[in-house]
N, C-alpha and C. Protein backbone atom coordinates (compact mmCIF):
# COMPACT_ATOMS: atom_id res chain seq x y z
N MET A 1 -44.12 36.57 25.63
CA MET A 1 -43.60 35.32 24.67
C MET A 1 -43.78 34.17 25.63
N GLU A 2 -44.24 33.10 24.98
CA GLU A 2 -44.29 31.87 25.61
C GLU A 2 -43.06 30.93 25.41
N ILE A 3 -42.49 30.37 26.48
CA ILE A 3 -41.33 29.54 26.58
C ILE A 3 -41.79 27.99 26.00
N ILE A 4 -41.21 27.65 25.10
CA ILE A 4 -41.68 26.21 24.42
C ILE A 4 -41.05 25.09 25.35
N ASN A 5 -41.70 24.09 25.74
CA ASN A 5 -41.06 22.82 26.42
C ASN A 5 -40.20 22.29 25.46
N ASP A 6 -38.99 21.91 25.68
CA ASP A 6 -37.85 21.00 24.79
C ASP A 6 -38.70 19.63 24.54
N LYS A 7 -39.29 19.29 25.44
CA LYS A 7 -39.70 17.73 25.48
C LYS A 7 -40.87 17.70 24.15
N GLN A 8 -41.72 18.90 24.05
CA GLN A 8 -42.81 18.98 23.20
C GLN A 8 -42.25 19.07 21.77
N ASN A 9 -40.83 19.20 21.51
CA ASN A 9 -40.34 19.81 20.14
C ASN A 9 -39.38 18.61 19.86
N GLN A 10 -39.21 17.59 20.78
CA GLN A 10 -38.12 16.51 20.27
C GLN A 10 -38.82 15.36 19.40
N ALA A 11 -38.04 14.73 18.77
CA ALA A 11 -38.65 13.97 17.77
C ALA A 11 -39.09 12.63 18.51
N VAL A 12 -40.14 11.91 18.25
CA VAL A 12 -40.59 10.86 18.79
C VAL A 12 -39.73 9.55 18.23
N SER A 13 -39.17 8.83 19.14
CA SER A 13 -38.34 7.54 18.70
C SER A 13 -39.20 6.62 18.06
N THR A 14 -38.64 5.64 17.35
CA THR A 14 -39.29 4.52 16.63
C THR A 14 -40.03 3.65 17.82
N MET A 15 -38.99 3.43 18.72
CA MET A 15 -39.77 2.52 19.84
C MET A 15 -40.60 3.05 20.32
N ASP A 16 -40.89 4.28 20.53
CA ASP A 16 -41.98 5.22 21.13
C ASP A 16 -43.17 5.30 20.28
N TRP A 17 -42.98 5.27 18.97
CA TRP A 17 -44.25 5.23 17.98
C TRP A 17 -44.57 3.45 18.03
N PHE A 18 -43.87 2.77 18.22
CA PHE A 18 -44.22 1.17 18.29
C PHE A 18 -44.88 1.08 19.30
N ILE A 19 -44.71 1.59 20.49
CA ILE A 19 -45.39 1.26 21.73
C ILE A 19 -46.81 2.14 21.70
N THR A 20 -46.91 3.35 21.17
CA THR A 20 -47.79 3.98 20.89
C THR A 20 -48.85 3.41 20.07
N ILE A 21 -48.55 2.77 18.87
CA ILE A 21 -49.30 2.11 18.12
C ILE A 21 -49.99 0.86 18.81
N PHE A 22 -49.33 0.09 19.63
CA PHE A 22 -49.60 -0.96 20.28
C PHE A 22 -50.64 -0.56 21.21
N ILE A 23 -50.46 0.45 21.82
CA ILE A 23 -51.41 0.65 22.95
C ILE A 23 -52.88 1.25 22.20
N THR A 24 -52.60 2.00 21.02
CA THR A 24 -54.02 2.34 20.48
C THR A 24 -54.65 1.17 19.94
N ALA A 25 -54.01 0.02 19.83
CA ALA A 25 -54.84 -1.30 19.26
C ALA A 25 -55.32 -2.14 20.36
N ILE A 26 -55.23 -1.66 21.64
CA ILE A 26 -56.05 -2.17 22.76
C ILE A 26 -57.47 -1.49 22.89
N PRO A 27 -58.63 -2.14 22.64
CA PRO A 27 -59.73 -1.63 22.77
C PRO A 27 -60.28 -0.79 23.98
N LEU A 28 -60.89 0.13 23.98
CA LEU A 28 -61.12 1.36 24.88
C LEU A 28 -59.91 1.92 25.66
N ILE A 29 -58.96 1.19 25.86
CA ILE A 29 -57.95 1.78 26.39
C ILE A 29 -57.03 2.73 25.38
N GLY A 30 -56.92 2.12 24.30
CA GLY A 30 -56.42 2.97 23.23
C GLY A 30 -57.18 4.16 22.81
N PHE A 31 -58.26 4.22 22.92
CA PHE A 31 -59.39 5.44 22.47
C PHE A 31 -59.15 6.30 23.57
N ILE A 32 -59.04 5.89 25.00
CA ILE A 32 -58.96 6.85 25.92
C ILE A 32 -57.25 7.54 25.97
N MET A 33 -56.47 6.83 25.46
CA MET A 33 -55.24 7.21 25.24
C MET A 33 -54.99 8.23 24.26
N LEU A 34 -55.77 8.14 23.06
CA LEU A 34 -55.84 9.19 22.02
C LEU A 34 -56.51 10.52 22.60
N PHE A 35 -57.08 10.58 23.76
CA PHE A 35 -57.66 11.79 24.16
C PHE A 35 -56.50 12.48 24.95
N VAL A 36 -56.09 11.40 25.82
CA VAL A 36 -54.82 11.99 26.77
C VAL A 36 -53.64 12.60 25.89
N TRP A 37 -53.45 11.94 24.87
CA TRP A 37 -52.06 12.28 24.05
C TRP A 37 -52.52 13.58 23.34
N ALA A 38 -53.85 13.77 22.74
CA ALA A 38 -54.39 14.65 21.85
C ALA A 38 -54.38 15.89 22.77
N PHE A 39 -54.93 15.85 24.05
CA PHE A 39 -55.39 17.06 24.80
C PHE A 39 -54.46 17.26 25.98
N GLY A 40 -53.73 16.24 26.32
CA GLY A 40 -52.81 16.35 27.66
C GLY A 40 -51.59 17.33 27.07
N SER A 41 -50.92 17.84 28.13
CA SER A 41 -49.95 18.74 28.08
C SER A 41 -48.46 18.01 27.93
N ASN A 42 -48.47 16.75 28.23
CA ASN A 42 -47.08 16.09 28.43
C ASN A 42 -46.65 15.46 27.11
N ALA A 43 -47.42 15.36 26.13
CA ALA A 43 -46.91 14.62 24.76
C ALA A 43 -46.28 15.48 24.08
N PRO A 44 -45.51 15.07 23.05
CA PRO A 44 -44.71 15.72 22.00
C PRO A 44 -45.70 16.16 21.18
N ALA A 45 -45.43 17.40 20.58
CA ALA A 45 -46.58 18.01 19.33
C ALA A 45 -46.83 16.92 18.24
N SER A 46 -45.87 16.34 17.79
CA SER A 46 -46.10 15.55 16.68
C SER A 46 -47.12 14.36 17.15
N LYS A 47 -46.94 13.88 18.42
CA LYS A 47 -48.02 12.74 18.90
C LYS A 47 -49.06 13.36 19.09
N ALA A 48 -49.10 14.61 19.58
CA ALA A 48 -50.45 15.23 19.99
C ALA A 48 -51.44 15.52 18.69
N ASN A 49 -50.38 15.87 17.52
CA ASN A 49 -51.14 16.12 16.24
C ASN A 49 -51.76 14.71 15.66
N TRP A 50 -50.91 13.88 15.83
CA TRP A 50 -51.27 12.14 15.47
C TRP A 50 -52.64 11.98 16.06
N ALA A 51 -52.50 12.20 17.36
CA ALA A 51 -53.69 11.58 18.14
C ALA A 51 -54.92 12.41 17.66
N LYS A 52 -54.66 13.90 17.42
CA LYS A 52 -56.12 14.43 17.02
C LYS A 52 -56.42 14.27 15.48
N ALA A 53 -55.50 13.87 14.77
CA ALA A 53 -55.96 13.46 13.39
C ALA A 53 -56.64 12.01 13.36
N THR A 54 -56.19 11.13 14.10
CA THR A 54 -56.73 9.78 14.56
C THR A 54 -57.96 9.96 14.95
N LEU A 55 -58.36 10.76 16.09
CA LEU A 55 -59.52 10.99 16.64
C LEU A 55 -60.47 11.62 15.46
N LEU A 56 -59.97 12.57 14.61
CA LEU A 56 -60.92 12.87 13.46
C LEU A 56 -61.22 11.70 12.52
N TRP A 57 -60.30 10.75 12.09
CA TRP A 57 -60.78 9.78 11.31
C TRP A 57 -61.68 8.74 12.07
N PHE A 58 -61.57 8.50 13.61
CA PHE A 58 -62.51 7.87 14.06
C PHE A 58 -63.79 8.58 13.95
N MET A 59 -64.10 10.08 14.23
CA MET A 59 -65.39 10.37 14.01
C MET A 59 -65.86 10.37 12.65
N ALA A 60 -65.11 10.51 11.65
CA ALA A 60 -65.31 10.33 10.15
C ALA A 60 -66.05 8.94 9.97
N GLY A 61 -65.45 8.04 10.54
CA GLY A 61 -65.73 6.66 10.40
C GLY A 61 -67.33 6.33 11.03
N ILE A 62 -67.39 6.92 12.33
CA ILE A 62 -68.48 6.81 12.71
C ILE A 62 -69.72 7.39 12.16
N VAL A 63 -69.58 8.62 11.66
CA VAL A 63 -70.60 9.35 10.77
C VAL A 63 -70.93 8.32 9.50
N ILE A 64 -69.83 8.02 8.96
CA ILE A 64 -70.13 7.12 7.50
C ILE A 64 -70.81 5.96 8.23
N TYR A 65 -70.52 5.26 9.04
CA TYR A 65 -71.08 4.04 9.45
C TYR A 65 -72.62 4.45 9.76
N GLY A 66 -72.91 5.43 10.53
CA GLY A 66 -74.22 5.66 10.89
C GLY A 66 -74.98 5.99 9.63
N PHE A 67 -74.54 6.66 8.65
CA PHE A 67 -75.23 6.95 7.51
C PHE A 67 -75.61 5.59 6.73
N ILE A 68 -74.46 4.67 6.76
CA ILE A 68 -74.92 3.38 6.01
C ILE A 68 -75.70 2.58 6.74
N ALA A 69 -75.65 2.64 8.14
CA ALA A 69 -76.61 1.94 8.76
C ALA A 69 -78.05 2.45 8.71
N LEU A 70 -78.12 3.77 8.58
CA LEU A 70 -79.70 4.40 8.44
C LEU A 70 -79.90 3.99 7.07
N VAL A 71 -79.20 4.03 6.04
CA VAL A 71 -79.82 3.65 4.63
C VAL A 71 -80.10 2.25 4.48
N PHE A 72 -79.34 1.42 5.09
CA PHE A 72 -79.68 -0.13 5.13
C PHE A 72 -80.81 -0.23 6.10
N GLY A 73 -80.87 0.44 7.21
CA GLY A 73 -82.33 0.23 8.03
C GLY A 73 -83.37 0.43 7.32
N VAL A 74 -83.41 1.72 6.61
CA VAL A 74 -84.53 2.30 5.98
C VAL A 74 -84.88 1.18 4.73
N ALA A 75 -83.87 0.76 4.22
CA ALA A 75 -84.21 -0.16 2.93
C ALA A 75 -84.86 -1.62 3.44
N LEU A 76 -84.35 -1.96 4.60
CA LEU A 76 -84.78 -3.34 5.21
C LEU A 76 -86.06 -3.02 5.70
N LEU A 77 -86.43 -1.72 6.45
CA LEU A 77 -87.85 -1.58 6.78
C LEU A 77 -88.86 -1.60 5.54
N GLY A 78 -88.38 -0.85 4.46
CA GLY A 78 -89.14 -0.81 3.24
C GLY A 78 -89.51 -2.13 2.69
N SER A 79 -88.48 -2.87 2.72
CA SER A 79 -88.58 -4.46 2.09
C SER A 79 -89.54 -5.37 2.87
N MET A 80 -89.65 -4.83 4.13
CA MET A 80 -90.30 -5.74 5.17
C MET A 80 -91.88 -5.26 5.15
N SER A 81 -92.11 -4.19 4.78
CA SER A 81 -93.60 -3.57 4.62
C SER A 81 -94.15 -4.04 3.47
N ASN A 82 -93.41 -4.53 2.50
CA ASN A 82 -94.19 -5.09 1.30
C ASN A 82 -94.69 -6.35 1.42
């Protein structure tokens, strides 16, 4: 049976969420911190889950953006060939 760390089960305070959201707003550093919180062992479980969900949203956005860029790129090339 695994012993669960009390820090991982503690509620994240409002000020901690404020700082977390502020850090994620910083380009590149925020993205790196999402990986640290998502896959590091020191983050509370709720923050780790939030970071994993945010990374999934980033991936979904990149896929959608890539699809839209591809569609518009093909349309642009098609209109230039006429």
